Amino acid sequence: MNLNESIRNSYCFHLPDPVFQTAPERITTNLITAVINILAGPIAIIANVLILAAIINCSSLRSPSNVLIASLALSDVLVGLTAQPGYISYRLLENQHQRVPCFVMVLYSVAFYICFGVSCMTLTAVSFERFVAVRLPGRYITFFSPKRVAEYLMGIWTVNILLSALQWAKINQEFFQIL
């Protein structure tokens, strides 16, 4: 990469420029993963919207366990609406132009980190909820009332949005330099 290309690509905040090797395997891999995501995106959106609709429309399905599942479904809908199109654009632009515009890198990065974090934390909450239901059934309502689950989920979403925002405030870079 020459100096002009380096300057042209260095404007995208802290996100690294994609390193594009002209190896045919890289081009093929990008194309295959983009096609898989093109096919899987609509399926993920439709299936998870159906799950959300069922839980929202049927009051008997609004147990703490199912509300946590609804949060996972919402996260998956957002993956299908934001992260997967961002990934598809990223890989196809990388193949076609050997560079990726900053807005595509930002869209993909933000969507990925928020949705990934929410999914992981919600899966942890589901595991803990199931553990308490099986091992501590007498204390279950103490930990998992509908109001508490809503508070947990608000915290999970807020923490992940704030953690994603930290990368744009460069606070995380200063924190890691201290360590």
N, C-alpha and C. Protein backbone atom coordinates (compact mmCIF):
# COMPACT_ATOMS: atom_id res chain seq x y z
N MET A 1 0.85 -1.17 0.00
CA MET A 1 0.00 0.00 0.00
C MET A 1 0.90 1.23 0.00
N ASN A 2 0.65 2.15 -0.92
CA ASN A 2 1.48 3.35 -0.97
C ASN A 2 0.95 4.40 0.00
N LEU A 3 1.66 5.52 0.09
CA LEU A 3 1.33 6.57 1.06
C LEU A 3 -0.04 7.18 0.78
N ASN A 4 -0.39 7.41 -0.48
CA ASN A 4 -1.69 8.00 -0.80
C ASN A 4 -2.84 7.10 -0.37
N GLU A 5 -2.72 5.81 -0.60
CA GLU A 5 -3.77 4.88 -0.17
C GLU A 5 -3.86 4.85 1.35
N SER A 6 -2.73 4.90 2.03
CA SER A 6 -2.72 4.89 3.48
C SER A 6 -3.43 6.13 4.03
N ILE A 7 -3.18 7.29 3.46
CA ILE A 7 -3.82 8.52 3.91
C ILE A 7 -5.31 8.48 3.60
N ARG A 8 -5.67 7.99 2.41
CA ARG A 8 -7.07 7.92 2.00
C ARG A 8 -7.86 7.00 2.93
N ASN A 9 -7.29 5.90 3.38
CA ASN A 9 -7.99 4.93 4.20
C ASN A 9 -7.87 5.19 5.69
N SER A 10 -7.08 6.14 6.12
CA SER A 10 -6.82 6.33 7.54
C SER A 10 -7.86 7.22 8.23
N TYR A 11 -8.90 7.61 7.55
CA TYR A 11 -9.88 8.52 8.11
C TYR A 11 -10.95 7.86 8.94
N CYS A 12 -10.96 6.55 9.05
CA CYS A 12 -12.07 5.85 9.68
C CYS A 12 -11.84 5.60 11.17
N PHE A 13 -11.76 6.68 11.92
CA PHE A 13 -11.68 6.60 13.36
C PHE A 13 -10.56 5.64 13.79
N HIS A 14 -10.90 4.67 14.64
CA HIS A 14 -9.91 3.72 15.13
C HIS A 14 -10.00 2.36 14.45
N LEU A 15 -10.91 2.21 13.49
CA LEU A 15 -11.11 0.91 12.85
C LEU A 15 -9.97 0.63 11.89
N PRO A 16 -9.41 -0.56 11.94
CA PRO A 16 -8.29 -0.88 11.05
C PRO A 16 -8.77 -1.07 9.61
N ASP A 17 -7.93 -0.68 8.68
CA ASP A 17 -8.23 -0.92 7.28
C ASP A 17 -8.15 -2.41 7.01
N PRO A 18 -9.04 -2.92 6.16
CA PRO A 18 -8.92 -4.34 5.83
C PRO A 18 -7.66 -4.57 5.02
N VAL A 19 -6.96 -5.63 5.37
CA VAL A 19 -5.77 -6.01 4.62
C VAL A 19 -6.23 -7.00 3.57
N PHE A 20 -6.13 -6.60 2.33
CA PHE A 20 -6.67 -7.43 1.27
C PHE A 20 -5.54 -8.09 0.52
N GLN A 21 -5.49 -9.41 0.65
CA GLN A 21 -4.57 -10.17 -0.17
C GLN A 21 -5.32 -10.57 -1.43
N THR A 22 -4.62 -10.64 -2.52
CA THR A 22 -5.27 -10.97 -3.78
C THR A 22 -5.39 -12.48 -3.96
N ALA A 23 -5.20 -13.22 -2.91
CA ALA A 23 -5.30 -14.67 -2.99
C ALA A 23 -6.72 -15.07 -3.39
N PRO A 24 -6.85 -16.00 -4.32
CA PRO A 24 -8.19 -16.42 -4.75
C PRO A 24 -9.03 -16.98 -3.60
N GLU A 25 -8.38 -17.58 -2.60
CA GLU A 25 -9.12 -18.12 -1.47
C GLU A 25 -9.85 -17.02 -0.71
N ARG A 26 -9.22 -15.87 -0.57
CA ARG A 26 -9.84 -14.75 0.16
C ARG A 26 -11.06 -14.25 -0.60
N ILE A 27 -10.94 -14.10 -1.90
CA ILE A 27 -12.06 -13.64 -2.71
C ILE A 27 -13.21 -14.65 -2.65
N THR A 28 -12.89 -15.91 -2.77
CA THR A 28 -13.90 -16.96 -2.73
C THR A 28 -14.56 -17.02 -1.36
N THR A 29 -13.78 -16.95 -0.31
CA THR A 29 -14.32 -16.98 1.05
C THR A 29 -15.25 -15.79 1.28
N ASN A 30 -14.84 -14.61 0.88
CA ASN A 30 -15.70 -13.43 1.03
C ASN A 30 -17.02 -13.62 0.29
N LEU A 31 -16.96 -14.14 -0.90
CA LEU A 31 -18.16 -14.34 -1.71
C LEU A 31 -19.09 -15.38 -1.08
N ILE A 32 -18.53 -16.49 -0.63
CA ILE A 32 -19.34 -17.55 -0.03
C ILE A 32 -20.00 -17.07 1.26
N THR A 33 -19.25 -16.41 2.12
CA THR A 33 -19.84 -15.94 3.38
C THR A 33 -20.87 -14.84 3.13
N ALA A 34 -20.66 -14.01 2.12
CA ALA A 34 -21.66 -12.99 1.79
C ALA A 34 -22.95 -13.64 1.30
N VAL A 35 -22.84 -14.66 0.46
CA VAL A 35 -24.04 -15.35 -0.05
C VAL A 35 -24.77 -16.06 1.09
N ILE A 36 -24.04 -16.70 1.98
CA ILE A 36 -24.67 -17.36 3.14
C ILE A 36 -25.43 -16.33 3.97
N ASN A 37 -24.85 -15.17 4.19
CA ASN A 37 -25.51 -14.13 4.97
C ASN A 37 -26.70 -13.53 4.23
N ILE A 38 -26.61 -13.42 2.91
CA ILE A 38 -27.74 -12.94 2.12
C ILE A 38 -28.93 -13.89 2.27
N LEU A 39 -28.66 -15.17 2.29
CA LEU A 39 -29.73 -16.17 2.44
C LEU A 39 -30.23 -16.27 3.88
N ALA A 40 -29.33 -16.18 4.84
CA ALA A 40 -29.70 -16.38 6.24
C ALA A 40 -30.36 -15.14 6.86
N GLY A 41 -30.03 -13.96 6.38
CA GLY A 41 -30.57 -12.72 6.96
C GLY A 41 -32.08 -12.66 7.00
N PRO A 42 -32.75 -12.81 5.86
CA PRO A 42 -34.21 -12.75 5.89
C PRO A 42 -34.84 -13.85 6.74
N ILE A 43 -34.26 -15.02 6.73
CA ILE A 43 -34.79 -16.12 7.54
C ILE A 43 -34.68 -15.77 9.02
N ALA A 44 -33.53 -15.23 9.42
CA ALA A 44 -33.33 -14.84 10.82
C ALA A 44 -34.32 -13.75 11.23
N ILE A 45 -34.53 -12.79 10.36
CA ILE A 45 -35.45 -11.70 10.69
C ILE A 45 -36.88 -12.24 10.84
N ILE A 46 -37.35 -13.00 9.87
CA ILE A 46 -38.73 -13.50 9.89
C ILE A 46 -38.95 -14.43 11.09
N ALA A 47 -38.05 -15.37 11.31
CA ALA A 47 -38.22 -16.33 12.41
C ALA A 47 -38.23 -15.62 13.76
N ASN A 48 -37.35 -14.67 13.95
CA ASN A 48 -37.28 -13.98 15.24
C ASN A 48 -38.41 -12.98 15.44
N VAL A 49 -38.90 -12.38 14.37
CA VAL A 49 -40.08 -11.51 14.49
C VAL A 49 -41.30 -12.36 14.89
N LEU A 50 -41.40 -13.57 14.36
CA LEU A 50 -42.50 -14.45 14.76
C LEU A 50 -42.41 -14.82 16.24
N ILE A 51 -41.20 -15.06 16.72
CA ILE A 51 -41.01 -15.35 18.15
C ILE A 51 -41.41 -14.15 18.99
N LEU A 52 -40.96 -12.96 18.60
CA LEU A 52 -41.32 -11.74 19.32
C LEU A 52 -42.83 -11.53 19.32
N ALA A 53 -43.46 -11.71 18.16
CA ALA A 53 -44.91 -11.51 18.05
C ALA A 53 -45.66 -12.48 18.95
N ALA A 54 -45.23 -13.73 19.00
CA ALA A 54 -45.89 -14.72 19.84
C ALA A 54 -45.79 -14.34 21.31
N ILE A 55 -44.62 -13.93 21.74
CA ILE A 55 -44.42 -13.58 23.16
C ILE A 55 -45.17 -12.30 23.51
N ILE A 56 -45.17 -11.34 22.61
CA ILE A 56 -45.87 -10.07 22.88
C ILE A 56 -47.38 -10.24 22.86
N ASN A 57 -47.90 -11.01 21.91
CA ASN A 57 -49.36 -11.13 21.74
C ASN A 57 -50.03 -12.13 22.66
N CYS A 58 -49.29 -13.04 23.24
CA CYS A 58 -49.89 -14.06 24.09
C CYS A 58 -49.40 -13.85 25.53
N SER A 59 -50.30 -13.37 26.38
CA SER A 59 -49.89 -13.03 27.75
C SER A 59 -49.41 -14.24 28.54
N SER A 60 -49.87 -15.43 28.21
CA SER A 60 -49.42 -16.62 28.94
C SER A 60 -47.96 -16.98 28.61
N LEU A 61 -47.42 -16.41 27.54
CA LEU A 61 -46.01 -16.67 27.18
C LEU A 61 -45.04 -15.64 27.79
N ARG A 62 -45.54 -14.72 28.57
CA ARG A 62 -44.67 -13.67 29.11
C ARG A 62 -44.06 -14.05 30.47
N SER A 63 -43.52 -15.24 30.53
CA SER A 63 -42.80 -15.67 31.73
C SER A 63 -41.41 -15.04 31.71
N PRO A 64 -40.74 -14.97 32.84
CA PRO A 64 -39.38 -14.42 32.85
C PRO A 64 -38.46 -15.11 31.84
N SER A 65 -38.59 -16.41 31.74
CA SER A 65 -37.77 -17.18 30.81
C SER A 65 -38.01 -16.75 29.37
N ASN A 66 -39.28 -16.60 29.00
CA ASN A 66 -39.62 -16.21 27.64
C ASN A 66 -39.29 -14.76 27.33
N VAL A 67 -39.34 -13.92 28.34
CA VAL A 67 -38.95 -12.52 28.13
C VAL A 67 -37.45 -12.45 27.80
N LEU A 68 -36.66 -13.28 28.46
CA LEU A 68 -35.24 -13.35 28.13
C LEU A 68 -35.04 -13.86 26.70
N ILE A 69 -35.83 -14.85 26.31
CA ILE A 69 -35.78 -15.38 24.93
C ILE A 69 -36.18 -14.27 23.95
N ALA A 70 -37.16 -13.46 24.31
CA ALA A 70 -37.59 -12.35 23.45
C ALA A 70 -36.44 -11.35 23.24
N SER A 71 -35.66 -11.13 24.29
CA SER A 71 -34.50 -10.24 24.14
C SER A 71 -33.49 -10.82 23.16
N LEU A 72 -33.28 -12.13 23.24
CA LEU A 72 -32.40 -12.79 22.26
C LEU A 72 -32.95 -12.65 20.85
N ALA A 73 -34.26 -12.82 20.72
CA ALA A 73 -34.89 -12.69 19.40
C ALA A 73 -34.75 -11.26 18.87
N LEU A 74 -34.93 -10.28 19.73
CA LEU A 74 -34.76 -8.89 19.31
C LEU A 74 -33.33 -8.63 18.85
N SER A 75 -32.38 -9.14 19.59
CA SER A 75 -30.98 -9.00 19.20
C SER A 75 -30.72 -9.65 17.85
N ASP A 76 -31.31 -10.82 17.63
CA ASP A 76 -31.14 -11.50 16.34
C ASP A 76 -31.80 -10.75 15.19
N VAL A 77 -32.94 -10.11 15.45
CA VAL A 77 -33.58 -9.29 14.42
C VAL A 77 -32.65 -8.13 14.05
N LEU A 78 -32.05 -7.51 15.06
CA LEU A 78 -31.12 -6.41 14.78
C LEU A 78 -29.88 -6.89 14.04
N VAL A 79 -29.43 -8.11 14.33
CA VAL A 79 -28.32 -8.68 13.56
C VAL A 79 -28.73 -8.79 12.10
N GLY A 80 -29.92 -9.31 11.85
CA GLY A 80 -30.39 -9.47 10.48
C GLY A 80 -30.62 -8.16 9.75
N LEU A 81 -30.96 -7.11 10.51
CA LEU A 81 -31.23 -5.81 9.88
C LEU A 81 -29.99 -4.93 9.75
N THR A 82 -28.99 -5.15 10.60
CA THR A 82 -27.83 -4.24 10.59
C THR A 82 -26.50 -4.96 10.39
N ALA A 83 -26.19 -5.92 11.25
CA ALA A 83 -24.87 -6.55 11.19
C ALA A 83 -24.67 -7.38 9.93
N GLN A 84 -25.68 -8.16 9.57
CA GLN A 84 -25.51 -8.98 8.36
C GLN A 84 -25.42 -8.14 7.09
N PRO A 85 -26.28 -7.12 6.88
CA PRO A 85 -26.07 -6.27 5.70
C PRO A 85 -24.73 -5.55 5.73
N GLY A 86 -24.29 -5.14 6.93
CA GLY A 86 -22.98 -4.51 7.04
C GLY A 86 -21.87 -5.47 6.65
N TYR A 87 -21.97 -6.70 7.12
CA TYR A 87 -20.97 -7.71 6.78
C TYR A 87 -20.97 -8.01 5.29
N ILE A 88 -22.16 -8.16 4.71
CA ILE A 88 -22.27 -8.44 3.27
C ILE A 88 -21.64 -7.31 2.47
N SER A 89 -21.98 -6.08 2.82
CA SER A 89 -21.41 -4.92 2.13
C SER A 89 -19.90 -4.89 2.29
N TYR A 90 -19.44 -5.13 3.50
CA TYR A 90 -18.01 -5.11 3.79
C TYR A 90 -17.27 -6.09 2.88
N ARG A 91 -17.73 -7.34 2.85
CA ARG A 91 -17.03 -8.37 2.08
C ARG A 91 -17.13 -8.16 0.57
N LEU A 92 -18.29 -7.75 0.09
CA LEU A 92 -18.42 -7.55 -1.36
C LEU A 92 -17.65 -6.32 -1.83
N LEU A 93 -17.64 -5.26 -1.03
CA LEU A 93 -16.84 -4.08 -1.38
C LEU A 93 -15.35 -4.39 -1.32
N GLU A 94 -14.97 -5.19 -0.34
CA GLU A 94 -13.57 -5.59 -0.23
C GLU A 94 -13.16 -6.38 -1.49
N ASN A 95 -14.02 -7.26 -1.95
CA ASN A 95 -13.73 -8.02 -3.16
C ASN A 95 -13.67 -7.12 -4.39
N GLN A 96 -14.64 -6.22 -4.50
CA GLN A 96 -14.76 -5.44 -5.72
C GLN A 96 -13.76 -4.29 -5.78
N HIS A 97 -13.58 -3.55 -4.70
CA HIS A 97 -12.76 -2.34 -4.72
C HIS A 97 -11.46 -2.44 -3.92
N GLN A 98 -11.29 -3.54 -3.22
CA GLN A 98 -10.13 -3.75 -2.35
C GLN A 98 -10.01 -2.67 -1.27
N ARG A 99 -11.12 -2.08 -0.93
CA ARG A 99 -11.21 -1.15 0.19
C ARG A 99 -12.67 -1.08 0.62
N VAL A 100 -12.88 -0.64 1.83
CA VAL A 100 -14.23 -0.57 2.38
C VAL A 100 -14.47 0.85 2.88
N PRO A 101 -15.56 1.49 2.45
CA PRO A 101 -15.85 2.85 2.94
C PRO A 101 -16.03 2.87 4.46
N CYS A 102 -15.71 4.00 5.03
CA CYS A 102 -15.76 4.14 6.49
C CYS A 102 -17.15 3.87 7.05
N PHE A 103 -18.20 4.37 6.41
CA PHE A 103 -19.55 4.19 6.97
C PHE A 103 -19.93 2.71 7.03
N VAL A 104 -19.44 1.92 6.10
CA VAL A 104 -19.73 0.48 6.12
C VAL A 104 -18.98 -0.16 7.30
N MET A 105 -17.73 0.22 7.49
CA MET A 105 -16.96 -0.31 8.61
C MET A 105 -17.58 0.09 9.94
N VAL A 106 -18.05 1.32 10.06
CA VAL A 106 -18.67 1.79 11.29
C VAL A 106 -19.99 1.07 11.54
N LEU A 107 -20.84 0.97 10.53
CA LEU A 107 -22.13 0.27 10.67
C LEU A 107 -21.91 -1.16 11.13
N TYR A 108 -21.03 -1.86 10.46
CA TYR A 108 -20.79 -3.25 10.81
C TYR A 108 -20.21 -3.36 12.22
N SER A 109 -19.25 -2.53 12.55
CA SER A 109 -18.60 -2.59 13.85
C SER A 109 -19.59 -2.33 14.99
N VAL A 110 -20.34 -1.26 14.90
CA VAL A 110 -21.28 -0.92 15.97
C VAL A 110 -22.36 -1.98 16.11
N ALA A 111 -22.95 -2.38 14.99
CA ALA A 111 -24.02 -3.39 15.04
C ALA A 111 -23.49 -4.71 15.61
N PHE A 112 -22.33 -5.11 15.15
CA PHE A 112 -21.76 -6.37 15.62
C PHE A 112 -21.52 -6.34 17.13
N TYR A 113 -20.84 -5.31 17.62
CA TYR A 113 -20.49 -5.29 19.03
C TYR A 113 -21.70 -5.18 19.94
N ILE A 114 -22.68 -4.38 19.56
CA ILE A 114 -23.87 -4.27 20.40
C ILE A 114 -24.64 -5.59 20.42
N CYS A 115 -24.92 -6.13 19.25
CA CYS A 115 -25.72 -7.36 19.18
C CYS A 115 -24.98 -8.56 19.77
N PHE A 116 -23.69 -8.65 19.53
CA PHE A 116 -22.90 -9.74 20.09
C PHE A 116 -22.89 -9.67 21.62
N GLY A 117 -22.67 -8.49 22.14
CA GLY A 117 -22.64 -8.32 23.60
C GLY A 117 -23.98 -8.62 24.23
N VAL A 118 -25.06 -8.11 23.63
CA VAL A 118 -26.40 -8.37 24.17
C VAL A 118 -26.70 -9.87 24.13
N SER A 119 -26.37 -10.52 23.02
CA SER A 119 -26.63 -11.96 22.92
C SER A 119 -25.87 -12.74 23.98
N CYS A 120 -24.60 -12.45 24.15
CA CYS A 120 -23.79 -13.18 25.14
C CYS A 120 -24.30 -12.94 26.56
N MET A 121 -24.58 -11.68 26.89
CA MET A 121 -25.05 -11.39 28.25
C MET A 121 -26.44 -11.97 28.50
N THR A 122 -27.31 -11.95 27.48
CA THR A 122 -28.64 -12.51 27.65
C THR A 122 -28.58 -14.03 27.77
N LEU A 123 -27.70 -14.66 27.00
CA LEU A 123 -27.54 -16.11 27.15
C LEU A 123 -27.03 -16.46 28.55
N THR A 124 -26.16 -15.63 29.09
CA THR A 124 -25.70 -15.84 30.46
C THR A 124 -26.86 -15.70 31.43
N ALA A 125 -27.70 -14.69 31.22
CA ALA A 125 -28.87 -14.50 32.09
C ALA A 125 -29.84 -15.68 31.97
N VAL A 126 -30.03 -16.21 30.76
CA VAL A 126 -30.89 -17.37 30.57
C VAL A 126 -30.32 -18.57 31.33
N SER A 127 -29.03 -18.77 31.22
CA SER A 127 -28.39 -19.89 31.94
C SER A 127 -28.56 -19.73 33.45
N PHE A 128 -28.35 -18.53 33.95
CA PHE A 128 -28.51 -18.29 35.39
C PHE A 128 -29.97 -18.48 35.80
N GLU A 129 -30.88 -17.99 34.97
CA GLU A 129 -32.31 -18.13 35.26
C GLU A 129 -32.70 -19.60 35.34
N ARG A 130 -32.24 -20.41 34.42
CA ARG A 130 -32.54 -21.84 34.42
C ARG A 130 -31.88 -22.53 35.62
N PHE A 131 -30.65 -22.11 35.97
CA PHE A 131 -29.97 -22.67 37.14
C PHE A 131 -30.78 -22.41 38.41
N VAL A 132 -31.21 -21.16 38.58
CA VAL A 132 -31.99 -20.81 39.77
C VAL A 132 -33.32 -21.56 39.78
N ALA A 133 -33.96 -21.70 38.61
CA ALA A 133 -35.24 -22.41 38.55
C ALA A 133 -35.10 -23.87 38.96
N VAL A 134 -33.97 -24.49 38.61
CA VAL A 134 -33.78 -25.91 38.91
C VAL A 134 -33.20 -26.12 40.30
N ARG A 135 -32.19 -25.35 40.65
CA ARG A 135 -31.47 -25.59 41.90
C ARG A 135 -32.02 -24.82 43.09
N LEU A 136 -32.64 -23.68 42.87
CA LEU A 136 -33.16 -22.85 43.96
C LEU A 136 -34.61 -22.43 43.69
N PRO A 137 -35.51 -23.37 43.51
CA PRO A 137 -36.88 -23.00 43.11
C PRO A 137 -37.59 -22.10 44.12
N GLY A 138 -37.26 -22.22 45.38
CA GLY A 138 -37.89 -21.38 46.40
C GLY A 138 -37.46 -19.93 46.31
N ARG A 139 -36.29 -19.67 45.75
CA ARG A 139 -35.78 -18.30 45.64
C ARG A 139 -35.97 -17.71 44.25
N TYR A 140 -36.58 -18.48 43.36
CA TYR A 140 -36.71 -18.06 41.96
C TYR A 140 -37.39 -16.70 41.83
N ILE A 141 -38.51 -16.54 42.48
CA ILE A 141 -39.27 -15.29 42.34
C ILE A 141 -38.50 -14.09 42.89
N THR A 142 -37.57 -14.34 43.81
CA THR A 142 -36.74 -13.25 44.34
C THR A 142 -35.84 -12.69 43.25
N PHE A 143 -35.29 -13.57 42.45
CA PHE A 143 -34.37 -13.14 41.39
C PHE A 143 -35.06 -12.79 40.08
N PHE A 144 -36.17 -13.47 39.78
CA PHE A 144 -36.73 -13.39 38.43
C PHE A 144 -38.22 -13.06 38.41
N SER A 145 -38.59 -11.97 39.01
CA SER A 145 -39.94 -11.47 38.81
C SER A 145 -39.97 -10.78 37.45
N PRO A 146 -41.15 -10.61 36.86
CA PRO A 146 -41.20 -9.94 35.55
C PRO A 146 -40.56 -8.55 35.57
N LYS A 147 -40.76 -7.81 36.65
CA LYS A 147 -40.16 -6.48 36.76
C LYS A 147 -38.63 -6.57 36.80
N ARG A 148 -38.11 -7.52 37.56
CA ARG A 148 -36.66 -7.68 37.66
C ARG A 148 -36.05 -8.08 36.32
N VAL A 149 -36.70 -8.97 35.60
CA VAL A 149 -36.19 -9.39 34.29
C VAL A 149 -36.14 -8.19 33.35
N ALA A 150 -37.19 -7.36 33.37
CA ALA A 150 -37.18 -6.15 32.54
C ALA A 150 -36.02 -5.23 32.93
N GLU A 151 -35.76 -5.11 34.23
CA GLU A 151 -34.62 -4.28 34.69
C GLU A 151 -33.29 -4.88 34.24
N TYR A 152 -33.16 -6.20 34.34
CA TYR A 152 -31.93 -6.86 33.88
C TYR A 152 -31.69 -6.59 32.40
N LEU A 153 -32.77 -6.73 31.62
CA LEU A 153 -32.62 -6.55 30.18
C LEU A 153 -32.31 -5.10 29.82
N MET A 154 -32.92 -4.16 30.51
CA MET A 154 -32.58 -2.74 30.28
C MET A 154 -31.10 -2.51 30.60
N GLY A 155 -30.63 -3.13 31.66
CA GLY A 155 -29.21 -3.01 32.02
C GLY A 155 -28.31 -3.65 30.98
N ILE A 156 -28.69 -4.82 30.49
CA ILE A 156 -27.88 -5.50 29.48
C ILE A 156 -27.77 -4.65 28.22
N TRP A 157 -28.90 -4.15 27.73
CA TRP A 157 -28.88 -3.34 26.51
C TRP A 157 -28.12 -2.03 26.73
N THR A 158 -28.34 -1.40 27.88
CA THR A 158 -27.65 -0.13 28.17
C THR A 158 -26.15 -0.32 28.26
N VAL A 159 -25.71 -1.34 28.99
CA VAL A 159 -24.28 -1.60 29.13
C VAL A 159 -23.62 -1.85 27.78
N ASN A 160 -24.27 -2.62 26.94
CA ASN A 160 -23.67 -2.92 25.63
C ASN A 160 -23.65 -1.72 24.70
N ILE A 161 -24.67 -0.89 24.75
CA ILE A 161 -24.65 0.33 23.94
C ILE A 161 -23.57 1.27 24.44
N LEU A 162 -23.45 1.40 25.76
CA LEU A 162 -22.40 2.26 26.32
C LEU A 162 -21.00 1.73 26.03
N LEU A 163 -20.82 0.42 26.16
CA LEU A 163 -19.50 -0.15 25.85
C LEU A 163 -19.13 0.05 24.38
N SER A 164 -20.12 -0.06 23.52
CA SER A 164 -19.86 0.19 22.10
C SER A 164 -19.54 1.67 21.88
N ALA A 165 -20.21 2.55 22.60
CA ALA A 165 -19.95 3.98 22.46
C ALA A 165 -18.57 4.36 22.97
N LEU A 166 -18.04 3.61 23.94
CA LEU A 166 -16.72 3.92 24.47
C LEU A 166 -15.63 3.87 23.41
N GLN A 167 -15.77 2.99 22.45
CA GLN A 167 -14.75 2.92 21.41
C GLN A 167 -14.72 4.19 20.57
N TRP A 168 -15.84 4.89 20.49
CA TRP A 168 -15.87 6.13 19.71
C TRP A 168 -15.39 7.30 20.55
N ALA A 169 -15.48 7.21 21.86
CA ALA A 169 -15.01 8.26 22.74
C ALA A 169 -13.52 8.11 23.05
N LYS A 170 -12.93 7.03 22.60
CA LYS A 170 -11.51 6.70 22.81
C LYS A 170 -11.16 6.54 24.29
N ILE A 171 -12.18 6.36 25.13
CA ILE A 171 -11.92 6.15 26.55
C ILE A 171 -11.28 4.78 26.75
N ASN A 172 -11.73 3.79 25.99
CA ASN A 172 -11.20 2.44 26.17
C ASN A 172 -9.72 2.39 25.81
N GLN A 173 -9.28 3.16 24.81
CA GLN A 173 -7.87 3.17 24.45
C GLN A 173 -7.03 3.75 25.58
N GLU A 174 -7.52 4.81 26.21
CA GLU A 174 -6.80 5.40 27.33
C GLU A 174 -6.77 4.45 28.52
N PHE A 175 -7.86 3.72 28.75
CA PHE A 175 -7.91 2.75 29.83
C PHE A 175 -6.87 1.65 29.62
N PHE A 176 -6.80 1.11 28.41
CA PHE A 176 -5.86 0.02 28.15
C PHE A 176 -4.41 0.50 28.16
N GLN A 177 -4.17 1.78 27.91
CA GLN A 177 -2.81 2.30 28.02
C GLN A 177 -2.38 2.39 29.48
N ILE A 178 -3.34 2.60 30.39
CA ILE A 178 -3.02 2.64 31.81
C ILE A 178 -2.60 1.26 32.30
N LEU A 179 -3.32 0.23 31.80
CA LEU A 179 -3.01 -1.13 32.22
C LEU A 179 -1.67 -1.50 31.66
